[in-house]
Amino acid sequence: MATLANTHPTLLDFKASLDKNDKVAPVIELLAQQNDIINDMVVVEANELTGHTTMIRAGIPEPTFRKFYGGVQPSKSTRVKVREGLGMMEDYAEIDASLASLNGNSAAWRMSEDVAFMEGFAQKAARYIIYGNEATEPESFTGLAPRYNDQTTAQNAENILTSAATPDSTDNTSIWLVGWGVGKIFGIYPKGSKAGIQVNDKGLVTIENVDGAGGRMEAFRTHFKWDLGLCVADWRYAVRINFDLEDVTASGSTGPVIADLMAKALRRIPNLSACKPAFYMNRDALDAHDLQAVYKPSLAFRTIEDAQGKFVDTYRGVPVRRVDQILSTEAGI
């Protein structure tokens, strides 16, 4: 016997969302996360429909000392084209029209569902900004981690800082310093389209073959779409700090001293004034830092109030953000 796919809310789901007065109750979003990297990312329109091509200076001309009556050979710079891909994230929310209309709560119910969809998009975007890899998932885009994972032969190896992060262990995490800016590191969206999540209320539609046996259903449908990618035009504007969480001690006499590694990362960025810099770390890395800051208060972050009235932790003037999608189970580099 055909059964309704579990991708559609049921009457039980609807009933669970109501309070004692049969109104849609506020939802405690226990699955919500803090992924501030999305708010910081500078986003520009790509120069192609399915990607973005940048021209990178790969070599500069070197002048020649000339003596009287001596000749000088002309020289030139060299350039390399780099193309970044775009990923298309999409989803649909569908609910039986009769179910949605119970007790006149259709708008509130649909809005409550939409919040969950938006959170899902935000979490996946943050995860792929860090870990996305077109080599293993061609329909996605490549994030930061696959680009900063080689300390031996990669050109950007000097921007990968490690401390007792052993390659065969899986209890490492990373702190990222990213200098956002056009021509540095920035997000992209397709040429001629819009940035961010696009929500399109399709209204009342007929779903064909809803039960797998040729049955139809009237339903309210919402379409969610977010096309995005990441362009690393200048690799010098990102630094990865990879370390073993188990090796962190309060005194820092052994293992990584997180503040020292962050200070080194700041010196790897060519010009902090030419970008929008921020540190990104997960809760475990923040806990590790605080462990050392309690032991030595001079290492503590400074908290300031920004122009929007929000309190922001900073290190040497650079904001420190929390990104829950950064793993504590990374392999060492």
Protein backbone atom coordinates (compact mmCIF):
# COMPACT_ATOMS: atom_id res chain seq x y z
CA MET A 1 0.00 0.00 0.00
CA ALA A 2 1.36 3.43 -0.95
CA THR A 3 2.11 5.79 1.93
CA LEU A 4 2.54 9.54 2.07
CA ALA A 5 6.15 10.63 1.94
CA ASN A 6 7.51 11.91 5.25
CA THR A 7 8.61 15.09 3.49
CA HIS A 8 5.14 16.52 4.10
CA PRO A 9 3.89 17.65 7.53
CA THR A 10 1.16 15.46 9.03
CA LEU A 11 -1.80 16.22 11.27
CA LEU A 12 0.32 15.07 14.19
CA ASP A 13 2.99 17.63 13.23
CA PHE A 14 0.32 20.32 12.99
CA LYS A 15 -1.25 19.41 16.34
CA ALA A 16 2.15 19.44 18.03
CA SER A 17 2.64 23.03 16.90
CA LEU A 18 -0.51 24.34 18.64
CA ASP A 19 -0.86 25.72 22.15
CA LYS A 20 -3.81 25.08 24.48
CA ASN A 21 -5.83 27.74 22.65
CA ASP A 22 -5.25 26.04 19.28
CA LYS A 23 -2.97 28.84 18.16
CA VAL A 24 0.44 28.24 16.57
CA ALA A 25 2.80 28.28 19.51
CA PRO A 26 6.22 29.96 19.41
CA VAL A 27 8.88 27.37 18.63
CA ILE A 28 11.99 27.03 20.76
CA GLU A 29 14.63 26.67 18.05
CA LEU A 30 16.91 24.16 19.73
CA LEU A 31 18.50 23.31 16.38
CA ALA A 32 19.39 26.92 15.60
CA GLN A 33 23.09 27.69 15.44
CA GLN A 34 25.36 30.70 15.47
CA ASN A 35 27.15 31.00 12.13
CA ASP A 36 28.27 34.62 11.92
CA ILE A 37 30.49 34.01 8.91
CA ILE A 38 27.43 34.42 6.66
CA ASN A 39 26.77 37.94 7.96
CA ASP A 40 30.38 39.01 7.43
CA MET A 41 30.96 37.63 3.94
CA VAL A 42 31.26 40.29 1.27
CA VAL A 43 29.14 39.19 -1.70
CA VAL A 44 29.45 40.38 -5.32
CA GLU A 45 27.76 39.49 -8.58
CA ALA A 46 29.71 36.90 -10.55
CA ASN A 47 30.88 37.72 -14.06
CA GLU A 48 29.38 34.48 -15.42
CA LEU A 49 26.07 32.65 -15.06
CA THR A 50 27.60 29.56 -13.49
CA GLY A 51 30.86 30.83 -12.05
CA HIS A 52 33.33 33.65 -11.66
CA THR A 53 36.68 34.09 -13.39
CA THR A 54 39.46 36.15 -11.86
CA MET A 55 42.84 37.15 -13.22
CA ILE A 56 45.71 36.66 -10.76
CA ARG A 57 49.13 38.20 -11.14
CA ALA A 58 51.56 35.28 -11.13
CA GLY A 59 54.80 37.12 -11.86
CA ILE A 60 56.11 40.68 -11.96
CA PRO A 61 58.80 42.12 -14.24
CA GLU A 62 62.26 42.66 -12.78
CA PRO A 63 64.23 45.74 -13.87
CA THR A 64 67.80 45.54 -15.15
CA PHE A 65 70.79 47.67 -14.12
CA ARG A 66 72.06 49.38 -17.27
CA LYS A 67 75.50 50.78 -17.96
CA PHE A 68 76.23 53.52 -20.46
CA TYR A 69 75.64 52.35 -24.03
CA GLY A 70 74.33 49.05 -22.68
CA GLY A 71 71.03 47.53 -23.75
CA VAL A 72 68.06 46.44 -21.65
CA GLN A 73 65.85 43.54 -22.54
CA PRO A 74 62.12 44.29 -22.11
CA SER A 75 60.16 42.14 -19.67
CA LYS A 76 56.53 41.56 -18.77
CA SER A 77 54.30 40.36 -15.98
CA THR A 78 52.49 37.03 -16.07
CA ARG A 79 48.85 36.36 -15.28
CA VAL A 80 46.80 33.26 -14.49
CA LYS A 81 43.06 32.80 -14.92
CA VAL A 82 41.22 31.15 -12.03
CA ARG A 83 37.58 30.10 -12.26
CA GLU A 84 35.38 29.60 -9.20
CA GLY A 85 32.19 27.55 -9.32
CA LEU A 86 28.71 28.27 -7.98
CA GLY A 87 26.37 25.95 -6.12
CA MET A 88 22.57 25.97 -6.28
CA MET A 89 20.73 25.16 -3.06
CA GLU A 90 16.98 24.63 -3.35
CA ASP A 91 14.15 23.22 -1.28
CA TYR A 92 10.35 23.14 -1.18
CA ALA A 93 7.94 23.37 1.72
CA GLU A 94 4.59 21.73 0.97
CA ILE A 95 1.60 21.31 3.27
CA ASP A 96 -1.86 19.91 2.64
CA ALA A 97 -4.20 22.88 2.10
CA SER A 98 -6.88 21.43 4.36
CA LEU A 99 -4.38 20.80 7.12
CA ALA A 100 -2.93 24.30 6.83
CA SER A 101 -6.38 25.88 6.99
CA LEU A 102 -7.46 24.22 10.24
CA ASN A 103 -8.64 26.85 12.74
CA GLY A 104 -7.54 29.62 10.37
CA ASN A 105 -3.87 29.20 11.26
CA SER A 106 -2.46 28.69 7.77
CA ALA A 107 -0.29 31.84 7.66
CA ALA A 108 1.17 31.31 11.13
CA TRP A 109 1.84 27.62 10.46
CA ARG A 110 3.57 28.30 7.17
CA MET A 111 5.66 31.08 8.69
CA SER A 112 6.76 28.77 11.48
CA GLU A 113 7.85 26.18 8.92
CA ASP A 114 9.67 28.79 6.82
CA VAL A 115 11.86 29.74 9.79
CA ALA A 116 13.13 26.16 9.98
CA PHE A 117 13.87 26.10 6.25
CA MET A 118 15.82 29.38 6.48
CA GLU A 119 17.89 28.00 9.36
CA GLY A 120 18.65 24.89 7.33
CA PHE A 121 19.91 27.00 4.44
CA ALA A 122 22.06 29.12 6.76
CA GLN A 123 23.68 26.10 8.38
CA LYS A 124 24.48 24.44 5.07
CA ALA A 125 25.87 27.66 3.59
CA ALA A 126 28.18 28.12 6.58
CA ARG A 127 29.30 24.49 6.39
CA TYR A 128 30.16 24.75 2.71
CA ILE A 129 31.96 28.08 3.09
CA ILE A 130 34.33 26.13 5.33
CA TYR A 131 34.29 22.56 3.98
CA GLY A 132 32.65 22.57 0.53
CA ASN A 133 34.61 20.62 -2.07
CA GLU A 134 33.77 20.49 -5.78
CA ALA A 135 36.22 17.60 -6.21
CA THR A 136 33.97 15.29 -4.19
CA GLU A 137 30.63 17.05 -4.78
CA PRO A 138 30.72 18.72 -8.21
CA GLU A 139 27.32 20.39 -7.82
CA SER A 140 28.51 22.35 -4.77
CA PHE A 141 31.27 24.96 -4.44
CA THR A 142 34.71 24.81 -2.86
CA GLY A 143 35.15 26.34 0.58
CA LEU A 144 38.21 27.29 2.56
CA ALA A 145 39.37 24.02 4.14
CA PRO A 146 40.17 22.13 0.88
CA ARG A 147 42.27 25.10 -0.24
CA TYR A 148 44.29 25.37 2.99
CA ASN A 149 45.19 21.76 3.75
CA ASP A 150 48.75 21.26 2.51
CA GLN A 151 51.79 22.53 4.40
CA THR A 152 54.36 20.89 2.16
CA THR A 153 53.94 21.90 -1.47
CA ALA A 154 51.03 24.35 -1.58
CA GLN A 155 51.74 27.97 -2.38
CA ASN A 156 49.60 29.09 0.56
CA ALA A 157 51.40 26.82 3.07
CA GLU A 158 52.74 29.85 4.94
CA ASN A 159 49.14 30.76 5.82
CA ILE A 160 48.52 27.41 7.51
CA LEU A 161 49.54 27.43 11.18
CA THR A 162 49.54 24.23 13.20
CA SER A 163 50.33 23.23 16.75
CA ALA A 164 50.48 19.55 17.68
CA ALA A 165 47.75 18.77 15.15
CA THR A 166 48.64 15.23 14.17
CA PRO A 167 47.34 14.06 10.79
CA ASP A 168 46.21 10.68 12.13
CA SER A 169 44.04 12.12 14.90
CA THR A 170 40.48 13.36 14.51
CA ASP A 171 40.07 15.68 17.49
CA ASN A 172 41.47 18.81 15.90
CA THR A 173 39.71 22.04 15.08
CA SER A 174 40.54 25.16 13.10
CA ILE A 175 40.39 28.86 13.75
CA TRP A 176 40.06 30.92 10.59
CA LEU A 177 41.15 34.49 9.98
CA VAL A 178 39.49 35.81 6.83
CA GLY A 179 40.01 39.23 5.28
CA TRP A 180 36.82 39.81 3.29
CA GLY A 181 36.89 42.15 0.33
CA VAL A 182 36.52 42.43 -3.43
CA GLY A 183 39.74 41.19 -4.98
CA LYS A 184 40.58 39.31 -1.78
CA ILE A 185 38.08 36.75 -0.51
CA PHE A 186 34.39 37.19 -1.24
CA GLY A 187 31.14 35.40 -1.90
CA ILE A 188 29.58 35.31 -5.35
CA TYR A 189 26.11 34.88 -6.82
CA PRO A 190 25.16 34.26 -10.47
CA LYS A 191 25.32 37.06 -12.99
CA GLY A 192 21.96 38.76 -13.39
CA SER A 193 20.42 37.16 -10.28
CA LYS A 194 19.98 38.17 -6.65
CA ALA A 195 22.14 37.59 -3.59
CA GLY A 196 20.92 35.64 -0.57
CA ILE A 197 17.98 33.33 0.00
CA GLN A 198 15.06 33.83 -2.38
CA VAL A 199 11.68 32.78 -1.00
CA ASN A 200 8.85 32.38 -3.50
CA ASP A 201 5.34 31.68 -2.22
CA LYS A 202 3.82 29.49 -4.93
CA GLY A 203 0.43 29.62 -3.25
CA LEU A 204 -2.10 26.86 -3.74
CA VAL A 205 -0.94 24.16 -6.16
CA THR A 206 -1.99 20.65 -7.14
CA ILE A 207 0.57 18.00 -6.30
CA GLU A 208 0.41 15.06 -8.67
CA ASN A 209 0.90 11.47 -7.52
CA VAL A 210 1.28 12.55 -3.90
CA ASP A 211 0.63 9.04 -2.55
CA GLY A 212 2.58 7.13 -5.18
CA ALA A 213 -0.65 5.70 -6.58
CA GLY A 214 -1.72 8.53 -8.89
CA GLY A 215 -3.54 10.55 -6.21
CA ARG A 216 -3.58 14.34 -6.22
CA MET A 217 -3.55 16.85 -3.39
CA GLU A 218 -4.15 20.57 -3.05
CA ALA A 219 -1.27 22.07 -1.12
CA PHE A 220 0.42 25.33 -0.24
CA ARG A 221 3.94 25.39 -1.64
CA THR A 222 6.93 27.63 -0.88
CA HIS A 223 10.10 27.49 -2.95
CA PHE A 224 13.48 28.36 -1.40
CA LYS A 225 16.57 29.03 -3.51
CA TRP A 226 20.08 30.25 -2.75
CA ASP A 227 22.84 30.29 -5.39
CA LEU A 228 26.24 31.06 -3.94
CA GLY A 229 29.94 30.39 -4.20
CA LEU A 230 33.24 31.46 -2.69
CA CYS A 231 36.04 33.23 -4.54
CA VAL A 232 39.56 33.21 -3.11
CA ALA A 233 41.11 35.79 -5.39
CA ASP A 234 44.09 36.42 -3.10
CA TRP A 235 44.98 33.46 -0.88
CA ARG A 236 47.06 35.69 1.41
CA TYR A 237 43.86 37.06 2.95
CA ALA A 238 42.90 33.86 4.77
CA VAL A 239 44.81 32.01 7.49
CA ARG A 240 44.01 28.62 8.98
CA ILE A 241 45.06 27.73 12.54
CA ASN A 242 44.75 23.97 13.04
CA PHE A 243 45.37 22.48 16.49
CA ASP A 244 44.56 19.54 18.74
CA LEU A 245 41.98 20.50 21.36
CA GLU A 246 43.25 17.85 23.78
CA ASP A 247 46.68 19.50 23.83
CA VAL A 248 45.39 22.84 25.12
CA THR A 249 46.51 23.56 28.70
CA ALA A 250 45.60 26.49 30.92
CA SER A 251 49.16 27.70 31.33
CA GLY A 252 50.14 27.13 27.72
CA SER A 253 53.45 25.69 28.90
CA THR A 254 52.78 22.78 26.57
CA GLY A 255 50.55 22.59 23.53
CA PRO A 256 49.15 25.55 21.59
CA VAL A 257 48.84 29.07 22.96
CA ILE A 258 45.81 30.21 21.06
CA ALA A 259 46.40 33.95 21.42
CA ASP A 260 49.95 33.56 20.07
CA LEU A 261 48.69 31.65 17.03
CA MET A 262 46.06 34.33 16.40
CA ALA A 263 48.75 37.01 16.59
CA LYS A 264 50.82 35.12 14.01
CA ALA A 265 47.76 34.83 11.79
CA LEU A 266 47.25 38.59 11.84
CA ARG A 267 50.82 39.08 10.60
CA ARG A 268 50.13 36.80 7.63
CA ILE A 269 47.48 39.17 6.22
CA PRO A 270 49.22 41.67 3.89
CA ASN A 271 47.07 44.68 4.78
CA LEU A 272 44.37 44.52 7.44
CA SER A 273 43.20 48.00 6.48
CA ALA A 274 42.45 46.85 2.92
CA CYS A 275 39.92 44.21 3.97
CA LYS A 276 37.20 43.37 6.48
CA PRO A 277 38.97 40.92 8.81
CA ALA A 278 37.39 38.56 11.34
CA PHE A 279 38.34 35.44 13.28
CA TYR A 280 36.02 32.42 13.17
CA MET A 281 36.00 29.54 15.66
CA ASN A 282 33.58 27.09 17.18
CA ARG A 283 32.45 26.79 20.79
CA ASP A 284 35.21 24.33 21.72
CA ALA A 285 37.92 26.66 20.44
CA LEU A 286 36.34 29.57 22.35
CA ASP A 287 36.32 27.43 25.50
CA ALA A 288 39.99 26.55 24.97
CA HIS A 289 40.91 30.20 24.59
CA ASP A 290 38.98 31.18 27.71
CA LEU A 291 40.78 28.46 29.65
CA GLN A 292 44.08 30.18 28.89
CA ALA A 293 42.66 33.69 29.34
CA VAL A 294 41.51 32.88 32.90
CA TYR A 295 45.03 31.71 33.70
CA LYS A 296 46.56 34.81 32.08
CA PRO A 297 43.99 37.64 31.78
CA SER A 298 46.15 39.63 29.36
CA LEU A 299 45.26 37.07 26.71
CA ALA A 300 41.52 37.72 27.02
CA PHE A 301 39.45 39.14 24.20
CA ARG A 302 38.25 42.68 24.49
CA THR A 303 34.49 43.26 24.28
CA ILE A 304 33.23 46.36 22.48
CA GLU A 305 29.83 47.69 21.43
CA ASP A 306 29.45 48.12 17.68
CA ALA A 307 27.40 50.67 15.76
CA GLN A 308 24.31 48.45 15.94
CA GLY A 309 24.49 48.24 19.71
CA LYS A 310 25.74 44.65 19.71
CA PHE A 311 28.53 43.46 21.98
CA VAL A 312 31.42 42.00 19.98
CA ASP A 313 34.53 40.20 21.20
CA THR A 314 37.72 41.38 19.51
CA TYR A 315 41.37 40.39 19.44
CA ARG A 316 43.76 43.23 18.63
CA GLY A 317 40.80 45.10 17.16
CA VAL A 318 39.65 42.23 14.93
CA PRO A 319 36.17 40.76 15.61
CA VAL A 320 35.99 37.20 16.94
CA ARG A 321 32.96 35.32 15.64
CA ARG A 322 31.42 31.98 16.50
CA VAL A 323 30.71 29.46 13.74
CA ASP A 324 29.09 26.26 14.98
CA GLN A 325 29.60 24.52 11.64
CA ILE A 326 33.38 24.40 12.22
CA LEU A 327 34.13 20.87 13.36
CA SER A 328 36.04 19.66 16.41
CA THR A 329 36.73 16.38 14.62
CA GLU A 330 39.02 17.59 11.86
CA ALA A 331 42.06 15.67 10.75
CA GLY A 332 45.37 17.32 11.45
CA ILE A 333 47.34 18.94 8.67
